[in-house]
Protein backbone atom coordinates (compact mmCIF):
# COMPACT_ATOMS: atom_id res chain seq x y z
CA MET A 1 -0.09 6.72 -12.29
CA GLU A 2 -1.10 8.70 -15.77
CA ALA A 3 0.39 11.38 -13.96
CA ALA A 4 4.18 9.95 -13.80
CA ASP A 5 6.70 10.25 -16.49
CA ALA A 6 7.91 7.01 -16.01
CA VAL A 7 8.36 4.00 -13.51
CA VAL A 8 10.88 2.30 -11.47
CA LEU A 9 9.57 -1.02 -10.27
CA VAL A 10 11.32 -2.65 -7.33
CA THR A 11 11.37 -6.74 -6.87
CA PRO A 12 13.08 -9.55 -4.93
CA GLU A 13 13.29 -12.91 -6.59
CA TYR A 14 10.94 -15.33 -5.71
CA ASN A 15 11.12 -18.90 -6.75
CA PHE A 16 12.56 -17.47 -9.74
CA GLY A 17 10.29 -15.16 -10.42
CA TYR A 18 8.75 -11.87 -9.12
CA PRO A 19 6.00 -11.85 -6.24
CA ALA A 20 2.34 -11.93 -7.05
CA THR A 21 1.86 -8.45 -5.23
CA LEU A 22 3.56 -7.02 -7.89
CA LYS A 23 2.09 -9.08 -10.47
CA ASN A 24 -1.64 -7.49 -8.70
CA ALA A 25 -0.36 -3.97 -9.04
CA ILE A 26 0.59 -4.46 -12.33
CA ASP A 27 -2.68 -5.94 -13.47
CA TYR A 28 -4.83 -3.31 -11.44
CA LEU A 29 -3.19 -0.22 -13.58
CA HIS A 30 -2.74 -1.81 -16.74
CA GLN A 31 -4.01 1.52 -18.63
CA GLU A 32 -2.53 3.89 -16.54
CA TRP A 33 0.88 2.20 -17.55
CA HIS A 34 0.97 2.63 -21.24
CA HIS A 35 3.72 4.40 -22.66
CA LYS A 36 5.34 5.19 -19.87
CA PRO A 37 9.21 3.87 -19.38
CA VAL A 38 10.03 1.47 -16.81
CA GLY A 39 13.51 0.71 -14.89
CA PHE A 40 14.02 -1.97 -12.55
CA VAL A 41 15.72 -2.64 -9.43
CA SER A 42 16.12 -6.59 -8.06
CA TYR A 43 17.35 -7.93 -5.33
CA GLY A 44 18.06 -11.23 -3.99
CA GLY A 45 20.53 -14.22 -3.75
CA VAL A 46 23.17 -15.13 -6.59
CA ALA A 47 21.36 -14.21 -9.68
CA ALA A 48 20.21 -10.93 -7.74
CA GLY A 49 16.57 -10.64 -9.09
CA THR A 50 17.41 -10.95 -12.60
CA ARG A 51 15.06 -14.03 -13.52
CA ALA A 52 12.36 -12.01 -11.95
CA VAL A 53 12.99 -9.13 -14.19
CA GLN A 54 13.32 -10.68 -17.33
CA GLN A 55 9.85 -12.18 -15.92
CA LEU A 56 8.80 -9.00 -15.94
CA LYS A 57 10.38 -7.54 -18.81
CA GLN A 58 7.63 -9.83 -21.23
CA VAL A 59 4.78 -8.29 -18.80
CA VAL A 60 5.62 -4.97 -19.05
CA THR A 61 5.78 -4.67 -22.78
CA THR A 62 2.82 -6.47 -23.49
CA LEU A 63 1.42 -3.24 -21.58
CA ARG A 64 3.13 -1.19 -23.85
CA MET A 65 5.97 0.12 -21.41
CA LEU A 66 9.27 1.10 -22.45
CA PRO A 67 11.75 -1.36 -20.55
CA VAL A 68 15.12 1.04 -19.78
CA PHE A 69 18.15 -1.21 -20.95
CA GLU A 70 19.99 -0.12 -17.50
CA GLY A 71 19.41 -1.76 -14.11
CA VAL A 72 20.48 -2.18 -10.69
CA HIS A 73 20.67 -5.93 -9.69
CA ILE A 74 21.57 -6.62 -6.28
CA PRO A 75 22.95 -9.80 -5.54
CA TRP A 76 23.18 -11.16 -1.45
CA HIS A 77 21.41 -8.00 -0.38
CA PRO A 78 22.19 -7.76 3.20
CA ARG A 79 25.46 -7.53 2.50
CA PHE A 80 25.04 -3.78 1.06
CA ILE A 81 22.97 -2.93 4.28
CA ALA A 82 25.02 -1.27 7.59
CA ASP A 83 23.32 1.05 10.56
CA GLY A 84 20.04 0.00 8.97
CA ARG A 85 20.79 2.02 5.97
CA PHE A 86 21.60 0.45 2.08
CA ARG A 87 25.22 1.23 1.08
CA GLY A 88 25.60 0.62 -2.90
CA THR A 89 28.27 0.01 -5.33
CA ALA A 90 29.10 2.84 -8.06
CA GLU A 91 27.68 0.06 -10.71
CA MET A 92 24.34 0.62 -8.69
CA ARG A 93 24.78 4.59 -8.23
CA ARG A 94 25.40 4.85 -12.21
CA ALA A 95 22.63 2.76 -13.03
CA ARG A 96 20.13 4.74 -10.68
CA THR A 97 21.51 8.10 -12.20
CA VAL A 98 20.33 6.86 -15.37
CA MET A 99 16.94 5.81 -14.34
CA GLU A 100 16.66 9.29 -12.22
CA SER A 101 16.63 10.93 -15.51
CA THR A 102 13.62 12.48 -16.17
CA GLU A 103 15.05 13.94 -19.10
CA THR A 104 15.49 10.69 -21.04
CA ALA A 105 11.98 9.63 -19.26
CA ARG A 106 10.30 12.09 -20.79
CA SER A 107 12.06 11.62 -24.21
CA ARG A 108 11.34 7.77 -24.48
CA SER A 109 7.59 8.48 -22.65
CA SER A 110 6.83 11.15 -25.53
CA SER A 111 7.97 9.31 -28.31
CA ALA A 112 6.34 6.55 -27.35
CA SER A 113 3.33 8.58 -27.21
CA ALA A 114 3.75 9.93 -30.52
CA TRP A 115 4.10 6.51 -31.95
CA ALA A 116 1.61 5.08 -30.76
CA THR A 117 -1.09 7.95 -31.31
CA GLY A 118 0.55 7.78 -35.31
CA ALA A 119 1.87 11.31 -35.02
CA VAL A 120 5.31 9.78 -36.17
CA ASN A 121 5.75 7.83 -39.96
CA ARG A 122 6.20 4.46 -39.09
């Protein structure tokens, strides 16, 4: 985890929140997450996992992670699966492109690290 430039968390919405297994992973690697940009892909019913992401944003900012504004939220996810493959919309592909941008991730990660270490004026 420490070597990663950024992280993308994929989560379902489970009872209006995220699953305990994801919380366990976040807690277990709490120091390794520091100052990393984090993107979200969520899925579920009508809310498309957005309630889970809202809760996760509170957790990741406490761990000094930097949530990316763009996200991929997939409502009624089974309708996007055909022949065993996921077929997203144009909006989902645009959000994925933003999250995959390593230059953006590196820039945000470097800025956060510089701020955290006092290398920039606060």
